[in-house]
Structures are given as C-alpha cells and as structure tokens.
C-alpha cells in the first residue's frame, strides 16, 4: 500500500504535484494537495520552480490508496 509518506521519502521531500502525478500515475488536482509554503520552491525531481506539496488532503489520500 502506498502512502503520502512513501512519496515524500522517495522524492527527498520537495516535490511538485506534476511530478507526483507523473511518477505515480495519479490525477491529483491542486485541491487534493496541501501546500505548506506560502511561496513556490524548486522541485527536487524536475528542477522547476513550482508550489511544493507538503501533504495530501483526505481526497488526495483516497486517490493514493486506490492505486
């Protein structure tokens, strides 16, 4: 079973929603994610300046568990 904790550990912490969707074949929307920082940061996966996901809302966790 995949959890949000596994995603963030594999990515090294700072990962954007687009990279999560691409790597784990998900369809997370911005409303499914929690963004802790008030400003964009550099994604460790793609290197782009994006909003960094710090957690998942209930709907995002359900999507993750169904994969």
N, C-alpha and C. Protein backbone atom coordinates (compact mmCIF):
# COMPACT_ATOMS: atom_id res chain seq x y z
N UNK A 1 0.85 -1.18 0.00
CA UNK A 1 0.00 0.00 0.00
C UNK A 1 0.90 1.24 0.00
N UNK A 2 0.58 2.17 -0.87
CA UNK A 2 1.37 3.40 -0.99
C UNK A 2 0.73 4.50 -0.14
N UNK A 3 1.57 5.24 0.55
CA UNK A 3 1.08 6.35 1.35
C UNK A 3 1.83 7.62 0.95
N UNK A 4 1.32 8.74 1.41
CA UNK A 4 1.97 10.02 1.13
C UNK A 4 3.37 10.07 1.72
N UNK A 5 3.56 9.42 2.84
CA UNK A 5 4.87 9.41 3.48
C UNK A 5 5.92 8.75 2.58
N UNK A 6 5.53 7.68 1.91
CA UNK A 6 6.43 6.98 1.00
C UNK A 6 6.81 7.88 -0.17
N UNK A 7 5.86 8.60 -0.71
CA UNK A 7 6.13 9.50 -1.84
C UNK A 7 7.13 10.57 -1.44
N UNK A 8 6.94 11.18 -0.29
CA UNK A 8 7.82 12.26 0.13
C UNK A 8 9.20 11.75 0.51
N UNK A 9 9.29 10.53 1.04
CA UNK A 9 10.61 9.96 1.36
C UNK A 9 11.37 9.63 0.09
N UNK A 10 10.69 9.06 -0.90
CA UNK A 10 11.35 8.71 -2.15
C UNK A 10 11.82 9.95 -2.91
N UNK A 11 11.06 11.02 -2.83
CA UNK A 11 11.38 12.24 -3.56
C UNK A 11 12.41 13.10 -2.82
N UNK A 12 12.64 12.84 -1.57
CA UNK A 12 13.57 13.66 -0.81
C UNK A 12 12.91 14.87 -0.18
N UNK A 13 11.59 14.92 -0.21
CA UNK A 13 10.86 15.98 0.48
C UNK A 13 10.22 17.00 -0.40
N UNK A 14 10.98 17.69 -1.22
CA UNK A 14 10.43 18.79 -2.01
C UNK A 14 10.07 18.32 -3.41
N UNK A 15 8.77 18.10 -3.63
CA UNK A 15 8.30 17.61 -4.93
C UNK A 15 7.01 18.34 -5.29
N UNK A 16 6.84 18.62 -6.56
CA UNK A 16 5.64 19.32 -7.02
C UNK A 16 4.54 18.32 -7.40
N UNK A 17 3.34 18.80 -7.52
CA UNK A 17 2.19 17.96 -7.84
C UNK A 17 2.33 17.30 -9.20
N UNK A 18 2.86 18.02 -10.17
CA UNK A 18 3.04 17.46 -11.51
C UNK A 18 3.96 16.24 -11.49
N UNK A 19 5.03 16.30 -10.73
CA UNK A 19 5.96 15.17 -10.64
C UNK A 19 5.32 13.99 -9.92
N UNK A 20 4.53 14.26 -8.89
CA UNK A 20 3.82 13.19 -8.19
C UNK A 20 2.87 12.49 -9.16
N UNK A 21 2.13 13.28 -9.92
CA UNK A 21 1.19 12.70 -10.89
C UNK A 21 1.92 11.87 -11.94
N UNK A 22 3.03 12.36 -12.41
CA UNK A 22 3.77 11.67 -13.47
C UNK A 22 4.43 10.39 -12.94
N UNK A 23 5.08 10.45 -11.80
CA UNK A 23 5.81 9.30 -11.27
C UNK A 23 4.90 8.19 -10.77
N UNK A 24 3.78 8.55 -10.17
CA UNK A 24 2.93 7.55 -9.54
C UNK A 24 1.62 7.34 -10.28
N UNK A 25 1.51 7.90 -11.49
CA UNK A 25 0.34 7.74 -12.35
C UNK A 25 -0.95 8.09 -11.60
N UNK A 26 -0.96 9.26 -10.99
CA UNK A 26 -2.12 9.75 -10.26
C UNK A 26 -2.74 10.91 -11.02
N UNK A 27 -3.87 11.35 -10.57
CA UNK A 27 -4.52 12.52 -11.16
C UNK A 27 -4.89 13.51 -10.06
N UNK A 28 -3.89 13.87 -9.27
CA UNK A 28 -4.13 14.82 -8.18
C UNK A 28 -4.39 16.21 -8.74
N UNK A 29 -5.36 16.86 -8.18
CA UNK A 29 -5.68 18.24 -8.53
C UNK A 29 -5.11 19.14 -7.44
N UNK A 30 -4.98 20.43 -7.70
CA UNK A 30 -4.46 21.33 -6.66
C UNK A 30 -5.26 21.28 -5.36
N UNK A 31 -6.55 21.02 -5.46
CA UNK A 31 -7.38 20.97 -4.25
C UNK A 31 -7.15 19.68 -3.45
N UNK A 32 -6.46 18.69 -4.01
CA UNK A 32 -6.17 17.44 -3.31
C UNK A 32 -4.89 17.54 -2.48
N UNK A 33 -4.12 18.59 -2.68
CA UNK A 33 -2.81 18.73 -2.06
C UNK A 33 -2.78 19.85 -1.03
N UNK A 34 -1.85 19.72 -0.10
CA UNK A 34 -1.58 20.78 0.87
C UNK A 34 -0.24 21.41 0.51
N UNK A 35 -0.22 22.71 0.48
CA UNK A 35 0.99 23.45 0.17
C UNK A 35 1.37 24.25 1.41
N UNK A 36 2.41 23.82 2.12
CA UNK A 36 2.79 24.44 3.38
C UNK A 36 3.47 25.77 3.23
N UNK A 37 4.23 25.93 2.17
CA UNK A 37 4.97 27.18 1.97
C UNK A 37 4.06 28.20 1.30
N UNK A 38 4.22 29.42 1.64
CA UNK A 38 3.44 30.48 1.04
C UNK A 38 4.02 30.97 -0.28
N UNK A 39 5.06 30.33 -0.73
CA UNK A 39 5.74 30.77 -1.95
C UNK A 39 6.25 29.52 -2.70
N UNK A 40 6.44 29.62 -4.00
CA UNK A 40 6.96 28.48 -4.77
C UNK A 40 8.41 28.15 -4.40
N UNK A 41 8.76 26.89 -4.60
CA UNK A 41 10.12 26.44 -4.35
C UNK A 41 10.60 25.60 -5.52
N UNK A 42 11.82 25.14 -5.44
CA UNK A 42 12.41 24.33 -6.51
C UNK A 42 12.09 22.86 -6.24
N UNK A 43 11.48 22.21 -7.21
CA UNK A 43 11.16 20.79 -7.11
C UNK A 43 12.44 19.99 -7.28
N UNK A 44 12.69 19.03 -6.39
CA UNK A 44 13.90 18.22 -6.47
C UNK A 44 13.86 17.24 -7.64
N UNK A 45 12.68 16.93 -8.11
CA UNK A 45 12.56 15.96 -9.19
C UNK A 45 12.78 16.59 -10.57
N UNK A 46 12.05 17.67 -10.87
CA UNK A 46 12.13 18.27 -12.20
C UNK A 46 12.97 19.54 -12.25
N UNK A 47 13.25 20.15 -11.11
CA UNK A 47 14.07 21.34 -11.06
C UNK A 47 13.33 22.63 -11.37
N UNK A 48 12.03 22.54 -11.61
CA UNK A 48 11.23 23.73 -11.91
C UNK A 48 10.79 24.41 -10.63
N UNK A 49 10.52 25.70 -10.73
CA UNK A 49 10.00 26.45 -9.59
C UNK A 49 8.48 26.28 -9.60
N UNK A 50 7.99 25.52 -8.64
CA UNK A 50 6.56 25.19 -8.53
C UNK A 50 6.14 25.29 -7.07
N UNK A 51 4.84 25.20 -6.84
CA UNK A 51 4.36 25.06 -5.48
C UNK A 51 4.69 23.65 -5.01
N UNK A 52 5.31 23.55 -3.85
CA UNK A 52 5.78 22.27 -3.32
C UNK A 52 4.70 21.66 -2.44
N UNK A 53 4.40 20.40 -2.70
CA UNK A 53 3.38 19.68 -1.93
C UNK A 53 4.00 19.23 -0.61
N UNK A 54 3.33 19.56 0.48
CA UNK A 54 3.81 19.15 1.80
C UNK A 54 2.92 18.09 2.43
N UNK A 55 1.77 17.83 1.84
CA UNK A 55 0.86 16.82 2.35
C UNK A 55 -0.32 16.65 1.43
N UNK A 56 -1.18 15.72 1.77
CA UNK A 56 -2.36 15.45 0.97
C UNK A 56 -3.62 15.60 1.81
N UNK A 57 -4.64 16.14 1.21
CA UNK A 57 -5.94 16.22 1.87
C UNK A 57 -6.58 14.84 1.82
N UNK A 58 -7.71 14.65 2.45
CA UNK A 58 -8.38 13.36 2.51
C UNK A 58 -8.65 12.81 1.12
N UNK A 59 -9.13 13.64 0.23
CA UNK A 59 -9.43 13.20 -1.14
C UNK A 59 -8.16 12.73 -1.86
N UNK A 60 -7.07 13.41 -1.67
CA UNK A 60 -5.80 13.01 -2.26
C UNK A 60 -5.30 11.69 -1.69
N UNK A 61 -5.48 11.50 -0.38
CA UNK A 61 -5.06 10.24 0.26
C UNK A 61 -5.89 9.08 -0.26
N UNK A 62 -7.16 9.31 -0.49
CA UNK A 62 -8.02 8.24 -1.03
C UNK A 62 -7.59 7.87 -2.44
N UNK A 63 -7.28 8.86 -3.26
CA UNK A 63 -6.79 8.58 -4.61
C UNK A 63 -5.50 7.78 -4.57
N UNK A 64 -4.66 8.11 -3.63
CA UNK A 64 -3.38 7.41 -3.49
C UNK A 64 -3.59 5.96 -3.04
N UNK A 65 -4.49 5.75 -2.11
CA UNK A 65 -4.75 4.39 -1.62
C UNK A 65 -5.41 3.50 -2.66
N UNK A 66 -6.13 4.10 -3.57
CA UNK A 66 -6.81 3.30 -4.60
C UNK A 66 -5.85 2.86 -5.71
N UNK A 67 -4.64 3.36 -5.71
CA UNK A 67 -3.65 2.95 -6.72
C UNK A 67 -2.91 1.74 -6.29
